Protein backbone atom coordinates (compact mmCIF):
# COMPACT_ATOMS: atom_id res chain seq x y z
CA UNK A 1 -47.46 -49.78 -31.98
CA UNK A 2 -47.75 -48.38 -28.29
CA UNK A 3 -48.89 -51.08 -25.77
CA UNK A 4 -50.68 -50.42 -22.55
CA UNK A 5 -51.93 -52.52 -19.68
CA UNK A 6 -55.43 -50.91 -20.22
CA UNK A 7 -57.11 -48.61 -22.56
CA UNK A 8 -60.23 -46.59 -21.88
CA UNK A 9 -62.44 -45.56 -24.85
CA UNK A 10 -64.33 -42.39 -24.14
CA UNK A 11 -63.24 -40.09 -21.16
CA UNK A 12 -66.51 -38.44 -20.16
CA UNK A 13 -67.99 -39.00 -16.79
CA UNK A 14 -67.49 -42.75 -16.60
CA UNK A 15 -64.41 -43.14 -18.73
CA UNK A 16 -62.54 -40.48 -16.82
CA UNK A 17 -63.28 -42.34 -13.55
CA UNK A 18 -62.16 -45.68 -15.10
CA UNK A 19 -59.00 -44.17 -16.24
CA UNK A 20 -58.15 -42.75 -12.77
CA UNK A 21 -58.98 -46.01 -11.05
CA UNK A 22 -56.70 -47.98 -13.53
CA UNK A 23 -53.83 -45.52 -13.05
CA UNK A 24 -54.24 -45.51 -9.29
CA UNK A 25 -53.51 -49.27 -9.30
CA UNK A 26 -50.17 -48.66 -11.19
CA UNK A 27 -51.46 -49.86 -14.65
CA UNK A 28 -50.02 -48.24 -17.72
CA UNK A 29 -53.14 -46.93 -19.20
CA UNK A 30 -54.29 -44.68 -21.97
CA UNK A 31 -57.63 -42.74 -22.39
CA UNK A 32 -59.01 -41.93 -25.82
CA UNK A 33 -61.55 -39.41 -26.98
CA UNK A 34 -62.56 -37.49 -30.09
CA UNK A 35 -63.30 -34.44 -27.99
CA UNK A 36 -61.34 -32.43 -25.44
CA UNK A 37 -61.74 -32.85 -21.71
CA UNK A 38 -65.11 -32.00 -20.16
CA UNK A 39 -66.47 -31.33 -23.62
CA UNK A 40 -70.18 -30.35 -24.25
CA UNK A 41 -70.89 -32.90 -27.07
CA UNK A 42 -72.16 -35.87 -24.97
CA UNK A 43 -73.73 -36.32 -21.63
CA UNK A 44 -71.19 -35.05 -18.95
CA UNK A 45 -71.63 -31.32 -19.20
CA UNK A 46 -74.07 -28.54 -18.34
CA UNK A 47 -72.49 -27.39 -15.00
CA UNK A 48 -74.27 -29.62 -12.58
CA UNK A 49 -75.74 -32.92 -11.81
CA UNK A 50 -77.90 -34.00 -8.93
CA UNK A 51 -76.84 -36.84 -6.57
CA UNK A 52 -79.18 -38.56 -4.15
CA UNK A 53 -79.32 -41.66 -2.06
CA UNK A 54 -83.01 -42.13 -2.03
CA UNK A 55 -83.11 -43.72 -5.39
CA UNK A 56 -86.52 -44.16 -6.82
CA UNK A 57 -85.14 -46.00 -9.96
CA UNK A 58 -84.07 -49.10 -8.15
CA UNK A 59 -83.11 -49.79 -4.41
CA UNK A 60 -80.06 -51.86 -5.60
CA UNK A 61 -78.36 -48.66 -6.67
CA UNK A 62 -78.07 -47.34 -3.13
CA UNK A 63 -74.84 -49.38 -1.98
CA UNK A 64 -73.16 -48.08 -5.26
CA UNK A 65 -74.38 -44.62 -4.42
CA UNK A 66 -73.03 -44.63 -0.83
CA UNK A 67 -69.70 -45.91 -2.25
CA UNK A 68 -69.77 -43.02 -4.77
CA UNK A 69 -70.31 -40.49 -2.07
CA UNK A 70 -67.26 -41.62 -0.42
CA UNK A 71 -65.23 -41.74 -3.66
CA UNK A 72 -66.25 -38.21 -4.66
CA UNK A 73 -65.14 -36.91 -1.30
CA UNK A 74 -61.82 -38.83 -1.61
CA UNK A 75 -61.12 -37.43 -5.03
CA UNK A 76 -61.83 -33.80 -4.00
CA UNK A 77 -64.13 -32.87 -0.90
CA UNK A 78 -65.16 -29.64 -2.59
CA UNK A 79 -67.04 -31.44 -5.39
CA UNK A 80 -70.05 -32.79 -3.58
CA UNK A 81 -72.33 -30.17 -2.38
CA UNK A 82 -74.86 -31.54 0.02
CA UNK A 83 -77.82 -29.20 -0.42
CA UNK A 84 -80.72 -31.71 0.04
CA UNK A 85 -83.51 -32.47 -2.41
CA UNK A 86 -87.42 -32.09 -2.45
CA UNK A 87 -89.40 -34.73 -4.00
CA UNK A 88 -93.06 -34.10 -4.90
CA UNK A 89 -95.70 -36.10 -6.74
CA UNK A 90 -98.53 -38.63 -6.39
CA UNK A 91 -98.24 -40.91 -3.47
CA UNK A 92 -98.51 -43.86 -5.90
CA UNK A 93 -96.36 -42.36 -8.67
CA UNK A 94 -92.99 -43.74 -9.55
CA UNK A 95 -90.95 -41.20 -7.84
CA UNK A 96 -92.52 -41.16 -4.30
CA UNK A 97 -93.10 -45.04 -4.22
CA UNK A 98 -89.58 -45.58 -5.51
CA UNK A 99 -88.01 -43.09 -3.05
CA UNK A 100 -89.82 -44.70 -0.02
CA UNK A 101 -88.84 -48.18 -1.19
CA UNK A 102 -85.10 -47.34 -1.25
CA UNK A 103 -85.50 -45.48 2.07
CA UNK A 104 -87.01 -48.49 3.81
CA UNK A 105 -84.74 -51.11 2.45
CA UNK A 106 -81.48 -49.11 3.18
CA UNK A 107 -82.66 -47.15 6.36
CA UNK A 108 -82.08 -43.75 4.64
CA UNK A 109 -83.09 -40.37 6.05
CA UNK A 110 -86.05 -39.14 4.06
CA UNK A 111 -88.66 -36.89 5.78
CA UNK A 112 -92.34 -36.51 4.94
CA UNK A 113 -92.88 -32.73 4.68
CA UNK A 114 -95.84 -30.40 4.07
CA UNK A 115 -96.09 -28.31 0.79
CA UNK A 116 -96.58 -25.36 3.08
CA UNK A 117 -92.98 -25.79 4.33
CA UNK A 118 -91.77 -24.95 0.87
CA UNK A 119 -93.80 -22.05 -0.38
CA UNK A 120 -91.31 -21.38 -3.21
CA UNK A 121 -93.03 -24.36 -4.98
CA UNK A 122 -96.62 -24.61 -6.02
CA UNK A 123 -97.10 -28.29 -5.30
CA UNK A 124 -100.60 -29.83 -6.15
CA UNK A 125 -102.74 -30.24 -3.22
CA UNK A 126 -103.02 -34.00 -3.49
CA UNK A 127 -99.27 -34.47 -3.95
CA UNK A 128 -96.99 -36.06 -1.34
CA UNK A 129 -93.76 -34.31 -0.54
CA UNK A 130 -90.51 -35.77 0.80
CA UNK A 131 -87.11 -34.26 1.63
CA UNK A 132 -83.80 -35.95 1.67
CA UNK A 133 -81.01 -33.84 3.41
CA UNK A 134 -78.12 -36.06 2.19
CA UNK A 135 -78.84 -35.29 -1.48
CA UNK A 136 -76.99 -32.58 -3.40
CA UNK A 137 -75.23 -31.70 -6.58
CA UNK A 138 -71.97 -32.12 -8.49
CA UNK A 139 -70.27 -29.61 -10.85
CA UNK A 140 -70.14 -31.98 -13.76
CA UNK A 141 -67.22 -30.55 -15.75
CA UNK A 142 -65.12 -30.02 -12.69
CA UNK A 143 -65.59 -33.74 -11.73
CA UNK A 144 -64.52 -34.94 -15.17
CA UNK A 145 -61.44 -32.73 -15.10
CA UNK A 146 -60.65 -33.85 -11.49
CA UNK A 147 -60.64 -37.52 -12.43
CA UNK A 148 -58.56 -36.80 -15.50
CA UNK A 149 -56.07 -34.61 -13.63
CA UNK A 150 -55.81 -37.34 -10.84
CA UNK A 151 -55.37 -40.08 -13.51
CA UNK A 152 -52.62 -38.07 -15.21
CA UNK A 153 -50.99 -37.43 -11.87
CA UNK A 154 -50.89 -41.30 -11.53
CA UNK A 155 -49.08 -41.68 -14.75
CA UNK A 156 -51.99 -42.24 -17.25
CA UNK A 157 -51.89 -40.80 -20.79
CA UNK A 158 -54.95 -39.02 -22.25
CA UNK A 159 -55.22 -38.45 -26.05
CA UNK A 160 -58.03 -36.48 -27.44
CA UNK A 161 -58.81 -35.23 -30.91
CA UNK A 162 -58.59 -38.89 -32.15
CA UNK A 163 -61.65 -40.58 -33.67
CA UNK A 164 -61.90 -44.28 -32.56
CA UNK A 165 -62.60 -46.18 -35.73
CA UNK A 166 -62.45 -49.87 -34.41
CA UNK A 167 -61.19 -52.08 -31.85
CA UNK A 168 -60.57 -55.84 -31.94
CA UNK A 169 -59.91 -58.46 -29.34
CA UNK A 170 -57.29 -61.07 -30.43
CA UNK A 171 -55.63 -63.99 -28.51
CA UNK A 172 -52.61 -61.76 -28.03
CA UNK A 173 -54.62 -58.85 -26.76
CA UNK A 174 -56.70 -55.79 -27.80
CA UNK A 175 -56.01 -53.62 -30.80
CA UNK A 176 -57.56 -50.20 -30.98
CA UNK A 177 -57.51 -48.34 -34.21
CA UNK A 178 -58.05 -44.61 -34.48
CA UNK A 179 -57.86 -42.06 -37.23
CA UNK A 180 -54.34 -41.11 -36.02
CA UNK A 181 -52.74 -44.57 -35.34
CA UNK A 182 -53.03 -47.89 -33.58
CA UNK A 183 -52.66 -49.04 -30.06
CA UNK A 184 -52.61 -52.40 -28.28
CA UNK A 185 -53.57 -53.31 -24.75
CA UNK A 186 -54.04 -56.19 -22.39
CA UNK A 187 -57.49 -54.91 -21.29
CA UNK A 188 -60.18 -52.57 -22.62
CA UNK A 189 -62.92 -50.35 -20.95
CA UNK A 190 -65.57 -48.91 -23.23
CA UNK A 191 -67.46 -45.98 -22.02
CA UNK A 192 -68.92 -44.52 -25.23
CA UNK A 193 -72.08 -42.86 -23.95
CA UNK A 194 -74.15 -41.81 -26.90
CA UNK A 195 -71.51 -43.49 -29.38
CA UNK A 196 -72.06 -46.83 -27.79
CA UNK A 197 -73.96 -48.24 -30.72
CA UNK A 198 -70.72 -47.66 -32.78
CA UNK A 199 -68.17 -48.77 -30.31
CA UNK A 200 -70.07 -51.79 -29.35
CA UNK A 201 -71.63 -52.68 -32.61
CA UNK A 202 -71.21 -56.40 -32.16
CA UNK A 203 -73.60 -56.43 -29.20
CA UNK A 204 -76.56 -54.88 -30.94
CA UNK A 205 -77.53 -53.30 -27.61
CA UNK A 206 -81.16 -52.17 -27.23
CA UNK A 207 -80.35 -48.43 -26.95
CA UNK A 208 -82.12 -45.34 -27.96
CA UNK A 209 -80.28 -41.98 -27.88
CA UNK A 210 -82.48 -39.02 -26.88
CA UNK A 211 -81.72 -35.32 -26.88
CA UNK A 212 -82.46 -33.50 -23.81
CA UNK A 213 -82.62 -29.68 -23.02
CA UNK A 214 -81.09 -27.86 -20.06
CA UNK A 215 -82.31 -24.42 -19.21
CA UNK A 216 -81.23 -21.60 -16.89
CA UNK A 217 -83.69 -18.90 -15.79
CA UNK A 218 -83.22 -15.66 -13.89
CA UNK A 219 -83.94 -16.25 -10.24
CA UNK A 220 -82.96 -13.93 -7.28
CA UNK A 221 -85.19 -15.75 -4.87
CA UNK A 222 -83.00 -17.05 -1.95
CA UNK A 223 -85.50 -19.73 -1.00
CA UNK A 224 -84.31 -22.01 -3.86
CA UNK A 225 -81.43 -23.43 -1.92
CA UNK A 226 -81.72 -27.19 -2.66
CA UNK A 227 -82.51 -29.52 -5.67
CA UNK A 228 -86.02 -30.65 -6.43
CA UNK A 229 -87.76 -33.44 -8.45
CA UNK A 230 -91.45 -33.03 -9.28
CA UNK A 231 -93.58 -35.64 -10.83
CA UNK A 232 -96.62 -34.44 -12.59
CA UNK A 233 -99.24 -36.27 -14.74
CA UNK A 234 -97.61 -34.97 -17.86
CA UNK A 235 -93.96 -35.35 -16.90
CA UNK A 236 -91.08 -35.29 -14.48
CA UNK A 237 -89.15 -32.08 -13.81
CA UNK A 238 -86.05 -31.36 -11.78
CA UNK A 239 -83.88 -28.48 -10.79
CA UNK A 240 -80.94 -27.29 -8.81
CA UNK A 241 -80.31 -24.66 -6.11
CA UNK A 242 -80.25 -21.16 -7.43
CA UNK A 243 -76.65 -19.70 -7.92
CA UNK A 244 -75.40 -16.41 -9.26
CA UNK A 245 -78.89 -15.16 -9.87
CA UNK A 246 -80.06 -18.03 -11.96
CA UNK A 247 -81.70 -21.51 -11.60
CA UNK A 248 -81.06 -24.48 -13.83
CA UNK A 249 -84.00 -26.90 -14.55
CA UNK A 250 -85.02 -29.53 -17.14
CA UNK A 251 -87.53 -32.22 -17.91
CA UNK A 252 -86.45 -35.78 -17.08
CA UNK A 253 -89.18 -37.44 -19.04
CA UNK A 254 -89.66 -37.21 -22.84
CA UNK A 255 -86.97 -36.01 -25.36
CA UNK A 256 -86.28 -36.34 -28.96
CA UNK A 257 -84.81 -39.46 -30.68
CA UNK A 258 -81.47 -38.86 -32.22
CA UNK A 259 -79.94 -41.02 -34.98
CA UNK A 260 -76.42 -39.43 -34.95
CA UNK A 261 -75.17 -37.73 -31.95
CA UNK A 262 -72.43 -36.09 -33.84
CA UNK A 263 -74.73 -34.24 -36.20
CA UNK A 264 -77.78 -33.85 -33.85
CA UNK A 265 -79.00 -30.26 -33.43
CA UNK A 266 -78.04 -28.42 -30.18
CA UNK A 267 -80.78 -25.71 -30.74
CA UNK A 268 -83.68 -25.03 -28.54
CA UNK A 269 -86.87 -26.99 -29.32
CA UNK A 270 -90.18 -24.96 -29.23
CA UNK A 271 -92.24 -27.88 -27.71
CA UNK A 272 -89.60 -28.27 -24.73
CA UNK A 273 -89.52 -24.44 -24.28
CA UNK A 274 -93.25 -24.38 -23.96
CA UNK A 275 -93.34 -27.24 -21.35
CA UNK A 276 -90.45 -25.77 -19.28
CA UNK A 277 -92.07 -22.26 -19.41
CA UNK A 278 -95.41 -23.75 -18.40
CA UNK A 279 -93.72 -25.63 -15.45
CA UNK A 280 -92.09 -22.36 -14.18
CA UNK A 281 -95.38 -20.47 -14.47
CA UNK A 282 -97.43 -23.14 -12.63
CA UNK A 283 -94.91 -24.31 -10.09
CA UNK A 284 -91.94 -22.02 -9.48
CA UNK A 285 -93.38 -18.59 -8.46
CA UNK A 286 -89.97 -17.28 -7.44
CA UNK A 287 -88.39 -17.90 -10.90
CA UNK A 288 -88.43 -15.18 -13.48
CA UNK A 289 -89.41 -16.15 -17.05
CA UNK A 290 -86.20 -14.84 -18.55
CA UNK A 291 -84.12 -17.63 -20.04
CA UNK A 292 -80.43 -16.80 -19.54
CA UNK A 293 -78.84 -19.99 -21.05
CA UNK A 294 -79.65 -23.26 -22.99
CA UNK A 295 -77.75 -26.30 -23.57
CA UNK A 296 -78.45 -29.95 -24.99
CA UNK A 297 -77.21 -33.22 -23.84
CA UNK A 298 -78.03 -36.86 -24.53
CA UNK A 299 -79.74 -39.64 -22.63
CA UNK A 300 -78.69 -43.08 -24.01
CA UNK A 301 -81.75 -45.10 -22.75
CA UNK A 302 -82.23 -48.85 -22.22
CA UNK A 303 -85.73 -50.29 -22.38
CA UNK A 304 -86.05 -50.55 -18.54
CA UNK A 305 -84.13 -47.24 -17.93
CA UNK A 306 -81.45 -49.02 -15.91
CA UNK A 307 -77.68 -49.15 -16.87
CA UNK A 308 -75.78 -51.92 -18.66
CA UNK A 309 -72.46 -52.46 -16.97
CA UNK A 310 -70.74 -55.94 -17.86
CA UNK A 311 -68.18 -57.66 -19.68
CA UNK A 312 -68.45 -58.38 -23.42
CA UNK A 313 -69.88 -61.86 -23.51
CA UNK A 314 -67.07 -64.55 -23.52
CA UNK A 315 -64.37 -61.92 -22.71
CA UNK A 316 -62.61 -61.33 -19.32
CA UNK A 317 -60.61 -58.54 -20.79
CA UNK A 318 -63.15 -56.11 -22.15
CA UNK A 319 -65.89 -54.47 -20.05
CA UNK A 320 -68.28 -51.64 -20.86
CA UNK A 321 -70.76 -49.24 -19.45
CA UNK A 322 -73.74 -48.09 -21.64
CA UNK A 323 -77.45 -46.97 -21.49
CA UNK A 324 -76.94 -44.91 -18.34
CA UNK A 325 -80.39 -43.53 -19.10
CA UNK A 326 -80.00 -40.06 -17.75
CA UNK A 327 -79.05 -40.88 -14.24
CA UNK A 328 -75.57 -42.29 -14.31
CA UNK A 329 -73.14 -39.53 -13.68
CA UNK A 330 -73.62 -39.37 -9.96
CA UNK A 331 -72.25 -42.99 -9.98
CA UNK A 332 -69.30 -42.33 -12.06
CA UNK A 333 -66.53 -43.02 -9.59
CA UNK A 334 -68.05 -46.37 -8.54
CA UNK A 335 -68.82 -47.43 -12.04
CA UNK A 336 -65.39 -46.55 -13.19
CA UNK A 337 -63.94 -48.59 -10.34
CA UNK A 338 -66.35 -51.58 -11.19
CA UNK A 339 -65.31 -51.48 -14.80
CA UNK A 340 -61.59 -51.77 -13.88
CA UNK A 341 -62.38 -54.56 -11.51
CA UNK A 342 -64.15 -56.42 -14.20
CA UNK A 343 -61.10 -56.58 -16.48
CA UNK A 344 -58.39 -57.02 -13.81
CA UNK A 345 -60.03 -59.88 -11.81
CA UNK A 346 -60.65 -57.48 -8.82
CA UNK A 347 -63.42 -58.55 -6.46
CA UNK A 348 -66.38 -56.30 -5.86
CA UNK A 349 -68.80 -56.51 -2.82
CA UNK A 350 -71.61 -55.04 -4.92
CA UNK A 351 -74.54 -57.09 -6.52
CA UNK A 352 -74.69 -55.69 -9.86
CA UNK A 353 -76.62 -58.45 -11.58
CA UNK A 354 -79.53 -55.96 -11.99
CA UNK A 355 -77.56 -53.89 -14.35
CA UNK A 356 -75.98 -56.90 -16.24
CA UNK A 357 -76.35 -57.64 -19.97
CA UNK A 358 -78.01 -60.98 -19.26
CA UNK A 359 -81.40 -59.34 -18.66
CA UNK A 360 -81.65 -58.54 -22.47
CA UNK A 361 -80.45 -62.02 -23.44
CA UNK A 362 -83.87 -63.15 -24.74
């Protein structure tokens, strides 16, 4: 049985980063996944992900985000595209209130703007509009491949096409069982995404897997040069800078519950189609109604829509990340580093109690 200092289960956005950080510390490490690198079966695909400092979800993410910006640039300076982001929504809505709260607490550059400054969007007249110039986007598959390539360069091993059947912590160490063999390790990191229920079944985590839809529409309008996040009474919608004659957008709210991510449909949903098409017609006058591409991905949701990043209770050798709730990829390098810290005794300057497992202890 091959033995490693550390094994990572799942090598998507977070797992690939953890594998890199483990290997960069000189650990003999192995990453395992049932799918090939940068696959389209989970959450880390679809060409692009937004990244932003003005985090409306919770101000405590901002220090981790600043660290992630630095780590993305250190991994490959061509990955993080700083294009800015426009926020629009009710002044008392979750988005605008949250953005301003993070900006105040962490002295972020967020400018109040007029809707007339961005005529490519039809923003409701009573909405508040903000612009963060430091936001941008990440090429998601390229980021996963970059972490994996850097991990392999540092001596890590990566095996894919193996289904993880079980893992067990014993006094002597960790045993991992796949459909192709058994492995042992001193430490374990679990980054299972939509498969977290199976890989962390002993924790009975309060997770719901939701299928989300990504759409690309024809767009030759050169005014769409930055990301956007618009909160409306019926939902939250976001999009990316137009590239190569098309613009990607999706709905952040809503989604369809999934019982098995392996067999879940990847087909378009008529209701989602109608909502996206109505959003374009009502708010994006420069985007054509011609759909060029569709893809599906998963949000693994917690009840409060914040992450769970922690150790298995009672274990200093096993850590996990789960329930990233549709906004975790941008933080992948920081979370990967944090997970390795948690199982190697490394110190961290970040207060992560707000994403700890203990908040669900009751």
